[in-house]
Amino acid sequence: METYTAMRQFADSWALLAMTLFFLGVVAFMFRPGAKKAAEDAAAIPLKED
């Protein structure tokens, strides 16, 4: 099996699954209880005057 074919097969199967799980993890992390305060604090960083 050529390297390109092996890499293409990996990207079509396991890498797609890994990216999907990562995306779902980020979404779950952002919608967890208590995330609103952290998001508001992060959004206010550019407006802070030090």
N, C-alpha and C. Protein backbone atom coordinates (compact mmCIF):
# COMPACT_ATOMS: atom_id res chain seq x y z
N MET A 1 0.85 -1.18 0.00
CA MET A 1 0.00 0.00 0.00
C MET A 1 0.90 1.24 0.00
N GLU A 2 0.58 2.16 -0.85
CA GLU A 2 1.36 3.38 -0.93
C GLU A 2 1.09 4.25 0.28
N THR A 3 2.02 5.14 0.56
CA THR A 3 1.88 6.04 1.70
C THR A 3 0.67 6.94 1.54
N TYR A 4 0.47 7.48 0.36
CA TYR A 4 -0.68 8.36 0.13
C TYR A 4 -1.99 7.64 0.38
N THR A 5 -2.10 6.42 -0.10
CA THR A 5 -3.33 5.66 0.06
C THR A 5 -3.59 5.37 1.53
N ALA A 6 -2.54 5.02 2.26
CA ALA A 6 -2.70 4.74 3.68
C ALA A 6 -3.11 5.99 4.45
N MET A 7 -2.48 7.10 4.15
CA MET A 7 -2.82 8.35 4.83
C MET A 7 -4.24 8.79 4.48
N ARG A 8 -4.64 8.61 3.24
CA ARG A 8 -5.99 8.98 2.81
C ARG A 8 -7.03 8.12 3.51
N GLN A 9 -6.76 6.84 3.64
CA GLN A 9 -7.70 5.95 4.32
C GLN A 9 -7.80 6.32 5.79
N PHE A 10 -6.68 6.64 6.43
CA PHE A 10 -6.69 7.06 7.83
C PHE A 10 -7.48 8.35 8.00
N ALA A 11 -7.28 9.32 7.12
CA ALA A 11 -7.98 10.60 7.22
C ALA A 11 -9.47 10.43 6.99
N ASP A 12 -9.85 9.52 6.14
CA ASP A 12 -11.26 9.30 5.85
C ASP A 12 -11.98 8.59 6.99
N SER A 13 -11.27 7.90 7.85
CA SER A 13 -11.95 7.13 8.88
C SER A 13 -11.63 7.66 10.28
N TRP A 14 -10.47 7.35 10.80
CA TRP A 14 -10.16 7.65 12.20
C TRP A 14 -9.93 9.13 12.46
N ALA A 15 -9.34 9.84 11.55
CA ALA A 15 -9.12 11.27 11.76
C ALA A 15 -10.45 12.02 11.75
N LEU A 16 -11.37 11.63 10.90
CA LEU A 16 -12.69 12.25 10.89
C LEU A 16 -13.42 11.98 12.20
N LEU A 17 -13.32 10.78 12.71
CA LEU A 17 -13.93 10.44 13.99
C LEU A 17 -13.30 11.26 15.12
N ALA A 18 -11.98 11.41 15.11
CA ALA A 18 -11.30 12.18 16.15
C ALA A 18 -11.71 13.65 16.10
N MET A 19 -11.79 14.23 14.91
CA MET A 19 -12.21 15.63 14.79
C MET A 19 -13.66 15.82 15.24
N THR A 20 -14.53 14.86 14.93
CA THR A 20 -15.92 14.94 15.36
C THR A 20 -16.02 14.88 16.88
N LEU A 21 -15.29 13.98 17.50
CA LEU A 21 -15.29 13.88 18.96
C LEU A 21 -14.72 15.13 19.60
N PHE A 22 -13.68 15.70 19.01
CA PHE A 22 -13.11 16.93 19.54
C PHE A 22 -14.13 18.07 19.47
N PHE A 23 -14.81 18.18 18.34
CA PHE A 23 -15.83 19.22 18.18
C PHE A 23 -16.95 19.06 19.21
N LEU A 24 -17.43 17.85 19.39
CA LEU A 24 -18.49 17.61 20.36
C LEU A 24 -18.01 17.90 21.78
N GLY A 25 -16.75 17.62 22.06
CA GLY A 25 -16.18 17.93 23.36
C GLY A 25 -16.12 19.42 23.62
N VAL A 26 -15.73 20.19 22.61
CA VAL A 26 -15.69 21.65 22.74
C VAL A 26 -17.09 22.21 22.95
N VAL A 27 -18.05 21.71 22.21
CA VAL A 27 -19.44 22.17 22.38
C VAL A 27 -19.93 21.84 23.77
N ALA A 28 -19.69 20.63 24.26
CA ALA A 28 -20.11 20.24 25.60
C ALA A 28 -19.41 21.10 26.65
N PHE A 29 -18.14 21.42 26.43
CA PHE A 29 -17.39 22.25 27.36
C PHE A 29 -17.98 23.65 27.44
N MET A 30 -18.39 24.20 26.32
CA MET A 30 -18.93 25.56 26.31
C MET A 30 -20.34 25.64 26.89
N PHE A 31 -21.11 24.58 26.81
CA PHE A 31 -22.48 24.60 27.32
C PHE A 31 -22.61 23.98 28.70
N ARG A 32 -21.50 23.73 29.38
CA ARG A 32 -21.57 23.17 30.71
C ARG A 32 -22.04 24.23 31.70
N PRO A 33 -22.59 23.82 32.83
CA PRO A 33 -23.00 24.80 33.83
C PRO A 33 -21.78 25.56 34.35
N GLY A 34 -21.90 26.85 34.46
CA GLY A 34 -20.79 27.66 34.95
C GLY A 34 -19.90 28.23 33.87
N ALA A 35 -20.15 27.89 32.63
CA ALA A 35 -19.30 28.38 31.55
C ALA A 35 -19.61 29.83 31.19
N LYS A 36 -20.78 30.31 31.55
CA LYS A 36 -21.17 31.67 31.18
C LYS A 36 -20.24 32.69 31.83
N LYS A 37 -19.92 32.49 33.09
CA LYS A 37 -19.04 33.43 33.80
C LYS A 37 -17.65 33.46 33.16
N ALA A 38 -17.11 32.30 32.85
CA ALA A 38 -15.79 32.23 32.23
C ALA A 38 -15.80 32.88 30.85
N ALA A 39 -16.88 32.69 30.07
CA ALA A 39 -16.98 33.29 28.75
C ALA A 39 -17.09 34.81 28.84
N GLU A 40 -17.85 35.29 29.81
CA GLU A 40 -17.97 36.74 29.99
C GLU A 40 -16.64 37.36 30.41
N ASP A 41 -15.91 36.68 31.29
CA ASP A 41 -14.59 37.18 31.70
C ASP A 41 -13.62 37.22 30.52
N ALA A 42 -13.63 36.20 29.70
CA ALA A 42 -12.75 36.15 28.54
C ALA A 42 -13.13 37.22 27.52
N ALA A 43 -14.41 37.49 27.38
CA ALA A 43 -14.87 38.49 26.42
C ALA A 43 -14.50 39.91 26.87
N ALA A 44 -14.33 40.10 28.17
CA ALA A 44 -14.02 41.43 28.71
C ALA A 44 -12.53 41.73 28.73
N ILE A 45 -11.69 40.80 28.40
CA ILE A 45 -10.23 41.01 28.46
C ILE A 45 -9.78 42.19 27.59
N PRO A 46 -10.23 42.33 26.34
CA PRO A 46 -9.76 43.46 25.53
C PRO A 46 -10.22 44.83 26.07
N LEU A 47 -11.25 44.85 26.88
CA LEU A 47 -11.79 46.11 27.37
C LEU A 47 -11.14 46.56 28.69
N LYS A 48 -10.35 45.69 29.30
CA LYS A 48 -9.71 46.05 30.56
C LYS A 48 -8.59 47.03 30.30
N GLU A 49 -8.52 48.04 31.14
CA GLU A 49 -7.44 49.01 31.05
C GLU A 49 -6.49 48.80 32.20
N ASP A 50 -5.29 48.39 31.88
CA ASP A 50 -4.28 48.14 32.93
C ASP A 50 -3.37 49.31 33.10
